[in-house]
C-alpha atoms as a PDB file:
ATOM      1  CA  MET A   1      84.121 215.768 -83.057  1.00  0.00           C
ATOM      2  CA  LYS A   2      83.094 218.048 -80.215  1.00  0.00           C
ATOM      3  CA  THR A   3      84.971 218.238 -76.939  1.00  0.00           C
ATOM      4  CA  GLY A   4      81.734 217.118 -75.278  1.00  0.00           C
ATOM      5  CA  ASP A   5      81.837 213.844 -77.242  1.00  0.00           C
ATOM      6  CA  ILE A   6      85.194 213.036 -75.653  1.00  0.00           C
ATOM      7  CA  LEU A   7      84.007 214.087 -72.196  1.00  0.00           C
ATOM      8  CA  ARG A   8      80.925 211.859 -72.471  1.00  0.00           C
ATOM      9  CA  TYR A   9      83.117 208.943 -73.551  1.00  0.00           C
ATOM     10  CA  LEU A  10      85.381 209.483 -70.545  1.00  0.00           C
ATOM     11  CA  ASP A  11      82.360 209.686 -68.221  1.00  0.00           C
ATOM     12  CA  ARG A  12      81.106 206.351 -69.569  1.00  0.00           C
ATOM     13  CA  GLN A  13      84.459 204.625 -69.171  1.00  0.00           C
ATOM     14  CA  ILE A  14      85.388 206.295 -65.866  1.00  0.00           C
ATOM     15  CA  PRO A  15      82.059 207.203 -64.201  1.00  0.00           C
ATOM     16  CA  PRO A  16      82.418 210.254 -61.927  1.00  0.00           C
ATOM     17  CA  ALA A  17      79.836 208.560 -59.678  1.00  0.00           C
ATOM     18  CA  LEU A  18      82.624 206.220 -58.512  1.00  0.00           C
ATOM     19  CA  GLN A  19      84.705 209.042 -57.036  1.00  0.00           C
ATOM     20  CA  GLU A  20      85.144 209.499 -53.289  1.00  0.00           C
ATOM     21  CA  SER A  21      82.942 212.065 -51.537  1.00  0.00           C
ATOM     22  CA  TYR A  22      85.813 214.521 -51.083  1.00  0.00           C
ATOM     23  CA  ASP A  23      86.885 214.398 -54.729  1.00  0.00           C
ATOM     24  CA  ASN A  24      86.054 216.539 -57.779  1.00  0.00           C
ATOM     25  CA  SER A  25      86.544 214.317 -60.812  1.00  0.00           C
ATOM     26  CA  GLY A  26      85.018 215.290 -64.145  1.00  0.00           C
ATOM     27  CA  LEU A  27      84.923 218.503 -66.171  1.00  0.00           C
ATOM     28  CA  GLN A  28      86.926 221.254 -64.480  1.00  0.00           C
ATOM     29  CA  ALA A  29      86.690 224.085 -67.009  1.00  0.00           C
ATOM     30  CA  GLY A  30      85.937 224.620 -70.679  1.00  0.00           C
ATOM     31  CA  ASN A  31      83.260 224.526 -73.349  1.00  0.00           C
ATOM     32  CA  PRO A  32      81.933 221.086 -74.396  1.00  0.00           C
ATOM     33  CA  ASP A  33      80.683 222.617 -77.665  1.00  0.00           C
ATOM     34  CA  ASP A  34      84.208 223.432 -78.879  1.00  0.00           C
ATOM     35  CA  GLU A  35      85.666 221.376 -81.708  1.00  0.00           C
ATOM     36  CA  ALA A  36      88.133 218.803 -80.348  1.00  0.00           C
ATOM     37  CA  VAL A  37      91.623 219.232 -81.819  1.00  0.00           C
ATOM     38  CA  ALA A  38      94.154 217.354 -79.685  1.00  0.00           C
ATOM     39  CA  ALA A  39      94.579 216.287 -76.048  1.00  0.00           C
ATOM     40  CA  LEU A  40      97.439 216.439 -73.575  1.00  0.00           C
ATOM     41  CA  LEU A  41      97.618 213.882 -70.744  1.00  0.00           C
ATOM     42  CA  THR A  42      99.147 214.774 -67.381  1.00  0.00           C
ATOM     43  CA  ILE A  43      99.147 213.814 -63.705  1.00  0.00           C
ATOM     44  CA  ASP A  44      98.807 217.407 -62.475  1.00  0.00           C
ATOM     45  CA  VAL A  45      97.698 220.568 -64.245  1.00  0.00           C
ATOM     46  CA  THR A  46     100.007 223.517 -63.692  1.00  0.00           C
ATOM     47  CA  GLU A  47     100.320 226.858 -65.436  1.00  0.00           C
ATOM     48  CA  ASP A  48     103.269 225.425 -67.374  1.00  0.00           C
ATOM     49  CA  VAL A  49     101.151 222.464 -68.496  1.00  0.00           C
ATOM     50  CA  VAL A  50      98.461 224.830 -69.808  1.00  0.00           C
ATOM     51  CA  ASP A  51     101.148 226.753 -71.719  1.00  0.00           C
ATOM     52  CA  GLU A  52     102.562 223.491 -73.099  1.00  0.00           C
ATOM     53  CA  ALA A  53      99.120 222.351 -74.272  1.00  0.00           C
ATOM     54  CA  PHE A  54      98.564 225.687 -76.023  1.00  0.00           C
ATOM     55  CA  LYS A  55     102.034 225.576 -77.616  1.00  0.00           C
ATOM     56  CA  HIS A  56     101.345 222.140 -79.107  1.00  0.00           C
ATOM     57  CA  GLY A  57      97.825 222.960 -80.285  1.00  0.00           C
ATOM     58  CA  CYS A  58      96.024 220.847 -77.679  1.00  0.00           C
ATOM     59  CA  ASN A  59      92.666 222.256 -76.621  1.00  0.00           C
ATOM     60  CA  ILE A  60      91.928 219.471 -74.110  1.00  0.00           C
ATOM     61  CA  ILE A  61      93.920 218.582 -70.996  1.00  0.00           C
ATOM     62  CA  ILE A  62      93.085 215.276 -69.297  1.00  0.00           C
ATOM     63  CA  SER A  63      94.607 215.029 -65.824  1.00  0.00           C
ATOM     64  CA  HIS A  64      94.562 212.620 -62.915  1.00  0.00           C
ATOM     65  CA  HIS A  65      94.453 215.193 -60.107  1.00  0.00           C
ATOM     66  CA  PRO A  66      91.689 217.820 -60.226  1.00  0.00           C
ATOM     67  CA  VAL A  67      92.507 221.497 -60.608  1.00  0.00           C
ATOM     68  CA  ILE A  68      89.448 222.596 -58.643  1.00  0.00           C
ATOM     69  CA  PHE A  69      89.643 220.493 -55.504  1.00  0.00           C
ATOM     70  CA  PHE A  70      87.874 223.073 -53.373  1.00  0.00           C
ATOM     71  CA  PRO A  71      85.195 225.534 -54.573  1.00  0.00           C
ATOM     72  CA  LEU A  72      86.572 228.677 -56.216  1.00  0.00           C
ATOM     73  CA  LYS A  73      85.196 231.956 -54.877  1.00  0.00           C
ATOM     74  CA  ARG A  74      86.501 233.862 -57.881  1.00  0.00           C
ATOM     75  CA  VAL A  75      88.430 233.349 -61.119  1.00  0.00           C
ATOM     76  CA  SER A  76      91.327 235.780 -60.918  1.00  0.00           C
ATOM     77  CA  THR A  77      95.072 235.579 -60.228  1.00  0.00           C
ATOM     78  CA  GLY A  78      94.982 235.002 -56.472  1.00  0.00           C
ATOM     79  CA  THR A  79      95.664 231.245 -56.274  1.00  0.00           C
ATOM     80  CA  PRO A  80      97.327 228.695 -58.593  1.00  0.00           C
ATOM     81  CA  ALA A  81      93.948 227.058 -59.275  1.00  0.00           C
ATOM     82  CA  GLU A  82      92.411 230.422 -60.230  1.00  0.00           C
ATOM     83  CA  ARG A  83      95.322 231.246 -62.537  1.00  0.00           C
ATOM     84  CA  ILE A  84      95.200 227.813 -64.187  1.00  0.00           C
ATOM     85  CA  VAL A  85      91.442 228.005 -64.820  1.00  0.00           C
ATOM     86  CA  MET A  86      91.643 231.592 -66.114  1.00  0.00           C
ATOM     87  CA  SER A  87      94.566 230.755 -68.410  1.00  0.00           C
ATOM     88  CA  ALA A  88      92.825 227.664 -69.777  1.00  0.00           C
ATOM     89  CA  LEU A  89      89.630 229.591 -70.502  1.00  0.00           C
ATOM     90  CA  GLN A  90      91.552 232.416 -72.170  1.00  0.00           C
ATOM     91  CA  LYS A  91      93.375 229.902 -74.382  1.00  0.00           C
ATOM     92  CA  GLY A  92      90.221 227.928 -75.199  1.00  0.00           C
ATOM     93  CA  ILE A  93      91.426 224.801 -73.384  1.00  0.00           C
ATOM     94  CA  THR A  94      89.080 222.349 -71.664  1.00  0.00           C
ATOM     95  CA  ILE A  95      90.318 220.564 -68.530  1.00  0.00           C
ATOM     96  CA  TYR A  96      88.966 217.172 -67.457  1.00  0.00           C
ATOM     97  CA  SER A  97      90.161 215.189 -64.424  1.00  0.00           C
ATOM     98  CA  ALA A  98      89.696 211.533 -63.486  1.00  0.00           C
ATOM     99  CA  HIS A  99      91.032 211.103 -59.953  1.00  0.00           C
ATOM    100  CA  THR A 100      89.496 208.632 -57.483  1.00  0.00           C
ATOM    101  CA  SER A 101      87.015 207.652 -60.193  1.00  0.00           C
ATOM    102  CA  LEU A 102      89.976 206.241 -62.145  1.00  0.00           C
ATOM    103  CA  ASP A 103      91.310 204.697 -58.932  1.00  0.00           C
ATOM    104  CA  SER A 104      87.991 202.917 -58.338  1.00  0.00           C
ATOM    105  CA  VAL A 105      86.940 201.815 -61.820  1.00  0.00           C
ATOM    106  CA  HIS A 106      87.639 198.182 -62.683  1.00  0.00           C
ATOM    107  CA  GLY A 107      90.804 198.118 -64.761  1.00  0.00           C
ATOM    108  CA  GLY A 108      91.910 201.534 -63.467  1.00  0.00           C
ATOM    109  CA  VAL A 109      95.107 202.712 -61.760  1.00  0.00           C
ATOM    110  CA  SER A 110      95.495 199.835 -59.296  1.00  0.00           C
ATOM    111  CA  PHE A 111      94.842 197.219 -61.973  1.00  0.00           C
ATOM    112  CA  GLY A 112      97.411 198.890 -64.205  1.00  0.00           C
ATOM    113  CA  MET A 113      99.987 198.693 -61.411  1.00  0.00           C
ATOM    114  CA  ALA A 114      99.079 195.061 -60.703  1.00  0.00           C
ATOM    115  CA  GLY A 115      99.561 194.236 -64.372  1.00  0.00           C
ATOM    116  CA  ARG A 116     103.044 195.762 -64.399  1.00  0.00           C
ATOM    117  CA  LEU A 117     103.932 193.730 -61.298  1.00  0.00           C
ATOM    118  CA  GLY A 118     102.745 190.561 -63.040  1.00  0.00           C
ATOM    119  CA  LEU A 119      99.970 189.748 -60.558  1.00  0.00           C
ATOM    120  CA  LYS A 120      97.458 187.050 -61.476  1.00  0.00           C
ATOM    121  CA  ASP A 121      93.806 186.595 -60.447  1.00  0.00           C
ATOM    122  CA  VAL A 122      93.495 190.298 -59.649  1.00  0.00           C
ATOM    123  CA  GLU A 123      90.415 191.433 -57.704  1.00  0.00           C
ATOM    124  CA  VAL A 124      89.219 194.693 -56.171  1.00  0.00           C
ATOM    125  CA  LEU A 125      90.605 195.086 -52.648  1.00  0.00           C
ATOM    126  CA  SER A 126      87.827 197.249 -51.171  1.00  0.00           C
ATOM    127  CA  PRO A 127      84.605 196.857 -53.202  1.00  0.00           C
ATOM    128  CA  VAL A 128      82.108 199.726 -53.141  1.00  0.00           C
ATOM    129  CA  ARG A 129      78.715 199.385 -51.452  1.00  0.00           C
ATOM    130  CA  ASP A 130      75.319 200.963 -52.053  1.00  0.00           C
ATOM    131  CA  LYS A 131      76.050 201.383 -55.776  1.00  0.00           C
ATOM    132  CA  LEU A 132      73.832 198.600 -57.139  1.00  0.00           C
ATOM    133  CA  VAL A 133      70.159 198.601 -58.117  1.00  0.00           C
ATOM    134  CA  LYS A 134      67.834 195.759 -59.075  1.00  0.00           C
ATOM    135  CA  LEU A 135      65.441 196.478 -61.927  1.00  0.00           C
ATOM    136  CA  VAL A 136      62.217 194.475 -62.212  1.00  0.00           C
ATOM    137  CA  THR A 137      59.786 194.872 -65.103  1.00  0.00           C
ATOM    138  CA  PHE A 138      56.843 192.992 -66.600  1.00  0.00           C
ATOM    139  CA  VAL A 139      56.747 192.266 -70.322  1.00  0.00           C
ATOM    140  CA  PRO A 140      54.395 190.451 -72.721  1.00  0.00           C
ATOM    141  CA  HIS A 141      56.012 187.133 -73.669  1.00  0.00           C
ATOM    142  CA  ASP A 142      56.541 187.994 -77.332  1.00  0.00           C
ATOM    143  CA  HIS A 143      58.467 191.154 -76.450  1.00  0.00           C
ATOM    144  CA  LEU A 144      60.718 189.801 -73.703  1.00  0.00           C
ATOM    145  CA  ASP A 145      63.802 189.303 -75.880  1.00  0.00           C
ATOM    146  CA  ARG A 146      63.622 192.808 -77.342  1.00  0.00           C
ATOM    147  CA  VAL A 147      63.178 194.496 -73.970  1.00  0.00           C
ATOM    148  CA  ARG A 148      65.852 192.352 -72.348  1.00  0.00           C
ATOM    149  CA  ASP A 149      68.359 193.081 -75.142  1.00  0.00           C
ATOM    150  CA  ALA A 150      67.755 196.834 -74.827  1.00  0.00           C
ATOM    151  CA  ILE A 151      68.276 196.752 -71.060  1.00  0.00           C
ATOM    152  CA  PHE A 152      71.499 194.759 -71.409  1.00  0.00           C
ATOM    153  CA  SER A 153      72.777 197.025 -74.188  1.00  0.00           C
ATOM    154  CA  ALA A 154      72.244 200.028 -71.907  1.00  0.00           C
ATOM    155  CA  GLY A 155      74.695 198.569 -69.380  1.00  0.00           C
ATOM    156  CA  ALA A 156      72.683 196.320 -67.048  1.00  0.00           C
ATOM    157  CA  GLY A 157      73.297 192.670 -66.275  1.00  0.00           C
ATOM    158  CA  HIS A 158      77.041 192.578 -65.441  1.00  0.00           C
ATOM    159  CA  ILE A 159      78.135 190.334 -62.566  1.00  0.00           C
ATOM    160  CA  GLY A 160      81.879 189.691 -62.299  1.00  0.00           C
ATOM    161  CA  ASN A 161      83.138 188.027 -65.470  1.00  0.00           C
ATOM    162  CA  TYR A 162      79.592 187.513 -66.792  1.00  0.00           C
ATOM    163  CA  ASP A 163      77.277 189.812 -68.705  1.00  0.00           C
ATOM    164  CA  ARG A 164      73.618 189.679 -69.818  1.00  0.00           C
ATOM    165  CA  CYS A 165      72.729 188.265 -66.383  1.00  0.00           C
ATOM    166  CA  GLY A 166      69.009 188.222 -65.638  1.00  0.00           C
ATOM    167  CA  PHE A 167      66.061 186.154 -64.493  1.00  0.00           C
ATOM    168  CA  HIS A 168      62.504 185.810 -65.743  1.00  0.00           C
ATOM    169  CA  ALA A 169      59.429 183.950 -64.556  1.00  0.00           C
ATOM    170  CA  GLU A 170      56.046 183.412 -66.195  1.00  0.00           C
ATOM    171  CA  GLY A 171      52.916 185.018 -64.827  1.00  0.00           C
ATOM    172  CA  SER A 172      49.828 187.046 -65.654  1.00  0.00           C
ATOM    173  CA  GLY A 173      49.363 190.805 -65.532  1.00  0.00           C
ATOM    174  CA  SER A 174      46.025 192.613 -65.310  1.00  0.00           C
ATOM    175  CA  PHE A 175      44.925 196.160 -66.028  1.00  0.00           C
ATOM    176  CA  ARG A 176      42.037 198.355 -67.161  1.00  0.00           C
ATOM    177  CA  GLY A 177      42.617 201.401 -69.344  1.00  0.00           C
ATOM    178  CA  SER A 178      40.735 204.675 -68.917  1.00  0.00           C
ATOM    179  CA  ASP A 179      38.951 206.507 -71.731  1.00  0.00           C
ATOM    180  CA  GLU A 180      42.172 208.482 -72.332  1.00  0.00           C
ATOM    181  CA  SER A 181      44.367 205.369 -72.640  1.00  0.00           C
ATOM    182  CA  SER A 182      45.708 203.656 -75.764  1.00  0.00           C
ATOM    183  CA  PRO A 183      46.182 200.056 -74.592  1.00  0.00           C
ATOM    184  CA  PHE A 184      48.586 197.836 -76.525  1.00  0.00           C
ATOM    185  CA  VAL A 185      46.260 194.890 -75.813  1.00  0.00           C
ATOM    186  CA  GLY A 186      42.704 194.798 -74.514  1.00  0.00           C
ATOM    187  CA  GLU A 187      39.975 197.435 -74.774  1.00  0.00           C
ATOM    188  CA  LYS A 188      39.460 200.756 -72.997  1.00  0.00           C
ATOM    189  CA  GLY A 189      37.328 200.481 -69.887  1.00  0.00           C
ATOM    190  CA  GLU A 190      37.531 196.672 -69.780  1.00  0.00           C
ATOM    191  CA  MET A 191      39.499 194.515 -67.370  1.00  0.00           C
ATOM    192  CA  HIS A 192      42.223 192.628 -69.239  1.00  0.00           C
ATOM    193  CA  SER A 193      44.630 189.860 -68.263  1.00  0.00           C
ATOM    194  CA  GLU A 194      47.788 189.258 -70.297  1.00  0.00           C
ATOM    195  CA  PRO A 195      50.421 186.474 -70.061  1.00  0.00           C
ATOM    196  CA  GLU A 196      53.624 188.278 -69.049  1.00  0.00           C
ATOM    197  CA  ALA A 197      57.175 187.576 -67.979  1.00  0.00           C
ATOM    198  CA  ARG A 198      58.630 189.140 -64.857  1.00  0.00           C
ATOM    199  CA  PHE A 199      62.177 190.084 -65.808  1.00  0.00           C
ATOM    200  CA  GLU A 200      64.807 191.275 -63.346  1.00  0.00           C
ATOM    201  CA  THR A 201      68.460 192.210 -63.549  1.00  0.00           C
ATOM    202  CA  ILE A 202      71.129 194.205 -61.752  1.00  0.00           C
ATOM    203  CA  LEU A 203      72.889 197.452 -62.653  1.00  0.00           C
ATOM    204  CA  PRO A 204      75.085 200.198 -61.158  1.00  0.00           C
ATOM    205  CA  SER A 205      72.904 202.981 -59.773  1.00  0.00           C
ATOM    206  CA  PHE A 206      74.585 205.621 -61.951  1.00  0.00           C
ATOM    207  CA  LEU A 207      73.287 203.814 -65.055  1.00  0.00           C
ATOM    208  CA  THR A 208      69.662 203.919 -63.864  1.00  0.00           C
ATOM    209  CA  GLY A 209      68.642 206.793 -66.130  1.00  0.00           C
ATOM    210  CA  GLN A 210      69.932 205.310 -69.369  1.00  0.00           C
ATOM    211  CA  VAL A 211      68.708 201.783 -68.561  1.00  0.00           C
ATOM    212  CA  VAL A 212      65.181 202.992 -67.732  1.00  0.00           C
ATOM    213  CA  LYS A 213      65.192 205.113 -70.898  1.00  0.00           C
ATOM    214  CA  ALA A 214      66.104 202.025 -72.940  1.00  0.00           C
ATOM    215  CA  LEU A 215      63.317 200.049 -71.242  1.00  0.00           C
ATOM    216  CA  LEU A 216      60.690 202.713 -71.930  1.00  0.00           C
ATOM    217  CA  THR A 217      61.814 203.104 -75.547  1.00  0.00           C
ATOM    218  CA  VAL A 218      61.231 199.479 -76.548  1.00  0.00           C
ATOM    219  CA  HIS A 219      58.533 198.289 -74.124  1.00  0.00           C
ATOM    220  CA  PRO A 220      55.239 197.890 -76.030  1.00  0.00           C
ATOM    221  CA  TYR A 221      52.960 199.115 -73.231  1.00  0.00           C
ATOM    222  CA  GLU A 222      51.828 202.716 -72.987  1.00  0.00           C
ATOM    223  CA  GLU A 223      52.577 202.666 -69.252  1.00  0.00           C
ATOM    224  CA  PRO A 224      55.239 199.999 -68.569  1.00  0.00           C
ATOM    225  CA  ALA A 225      55.415 198.800 -64.980  1.00  0.00           C
ATOM    226  CA  PHE A 226      58.888 198.605 -63.455  1.00  0.00           C
ATOM    227  CA  ASP A 227      60.444 198.677 -59.985  1.00  0.00           C
ATOM    228  CA  LEU A 228      63.892 199.790 -58.808  1.00  0.00           C
ATOM    229  CA  TYR A 229      65.317 198.342 -55.583  1.00  0.00           C
ATOM    230  CA  PRO A 230      68.515 199.692 -53.958  1.00  0.00           C
ATOM    231  CA  LEU A 231      70.823 196.844 -52.947  1.00  0.00           C
ATOM    232  CA  LEU A 232      73.229 196.571 -50.012  1.00  0.00           C
ATOM    233  CA  ASN A 233      75.498 194.102 -51.815  1.00  0.00           C
ATOM    234  CA  GLU A 234      79.186 194.753 -52.269  1.00  0.00           C
ATOM    235  CA  TRP A 235      79.968 195.468 -55.893  1.00  0.00           C
ATOM    236  CA  LYS A 236      83.247 193.824 -56.818  1.00  0.00           C
ATOM    237  CA  GLY A 237      83.167 195.583 -60.182  1.00  0.00           C
ATOM    238  CA  ALA A 238      84.538 198.781 -58.618  1.00  0.00           C
ATOM    239  CA  GLY A 239      86.450 199.943 -55.554  1.00  0.00           C
ATOM    240  CA  LEU A 240      89.782 201.167 -54.278  1.00  0.00           C
ATOM    241  CA  GLY A 241      92.919 199.046 -54.557  1.00  0.00           C
ATOM    242  CA  CYS A 242      93.324 195.524 -55.813  1.00  0.00           C
ATOM    243  CA  VAL A 243      94.823 192.235 -54.683  1.00  0.00           C
ATOM    244  CA  GLY A 244      96.364 189.422 -56.687  1.00  0.00           C
ATOM    245  CA  THR A 245      98.797 186.534 -56.677  1.00  0.00           C
ATOM    246  CA  LEU A 246     102.475 186.716 -57.564  1.00  0.00           C
ATOM    247  CA  GLU A 247     103.650 184.229 -60.128  1.00  0.00           C
ATOM    248  CA  ASN A 248     106.628 183.374 -57.884  1.00  0.00           C
ATOM    249  CA  GLU A 249     106.679 183.542 -54.106  1.00  0.00           C
ATOM    250  CA  MET A 250     109.007 186.131 -52.556  1.00  0.00           C
ATOM    251  CA  ASP A 251     109.631 187.733 -49.183  1.00  0.00           C
ATOM    252  CA  GLU A 252     108.706 191.306 -48.305  1.00  0.00           C
ATOM    253  CA  LYS A 253     112.141 192.745 -49.105  1.00  0.00           C
ATOM    254  CA  SER A 254     112.188 191.075 -52.525  1.00  0.00           C
ATOM    255  CA  PHE A 255     108.687 192.379 -53.270  1.00  0.00           C
ATOM    256  CA  LEU A 256     109.708 195.927 -52.371  1.00  0.00           C
ATOM    257  CA  GLY A 257     112.676 195.478 -54.673  1.00  0.00           C
ATOM    258  CA  LEU A 258     110.325 194.417 -57.466  1.00  0.00           C
ATOM    259  CA  CYS A 259     108.181 197.520 -56.857  1.00  0.00           C
ATOM    260  CA  LYS A 260     111.273 199.743 -56.932  1.00  0.00           C
ATOM    261  CA  LYS A 261     112.486 198.179 -60.169  1.00  0.00           C
ATOM    262  CA  THR A 262     109.038 198.381 -61.784  1.00  0.00           C
ATOM    263  CA  PHE A 263     107.975 201.899 -60.821  1.00  0.00           C
ATOM    264  CA  SER A 264     111.310 203.659 -60.116  1.00  0.00           C
ATOM    265  CA  PRO A 265     110.000 205.652 -57.110  1.00  0.00           C
ATOM    266  CA  CYS A 266     112.286 208.052 -55.257  1.00  0.00           C
ATOM    267  CA  CYS A 267     111.592 206.124 -52.044  1.00  0.00           C
ATOM    268  CA  LEU A 268     109.592 203.214 -50.637  1.00  0.00           C
ATOM    269  CA  ARG A 269     108.125 202.539 -47.225  1.00  0.00           C
ATOM    270  CA  ASP A 270     106.290 199.491 -45.913  1.00  0.00           C
ATOM    271  CA  ARG A 271     103.933 201.280 -43.538  1.00  0.00           C
END
């Protein structure tokens, strides 16, 4: 297995597109073509952490906080970030960080904390906006199921606790192919009408490339027609924080006590 295989898996599960604008989640340093040996998990990457990874034969470090939070002007020994990156590269260690992307993904940090507190009916506190796209395409009736399955398999059609969500309506498409065309139905140079289904579904914008690729791969037409519409809807499938219901009612002081017992912080404050 290559290091890049692991990085691509992490990107699928924790999309960097969900990170905040100020963040730098994703690959920090390293060669995706290296063979993956072992990984070390950490909150922060320090020089000691790089040494520990090397000592234990780990050539991947996966951290929460990014090493390169601001652009590096050089890779030398001037700053801790420069020294960490240089040491990792010298030791053949790849560094990957999932910061606010892991905070925002459904089931991420906040959901993990909610689970430890025993919260029920957990939902995203602040859903993201402007991250959804509607895909509309037009498919011959006999090929609708195949095209629809490919689009869903590529990640489209998720709404809350439901998947494979879509809509289709019957209609008729028309076209005329040029002398250079290879029409799936009809003849070159002749007007043709074909019974078609209009199919539409929803998807996160960062999946647009792979969903469209899946559509084009299985659609029978030489030039499939499809439209992409940006949506203003809130997307409750991702966002910062979460909210839920306690199994037993308690006052504020008791809840802070539960948090202290659960997470063992050095201090707590309510504001």
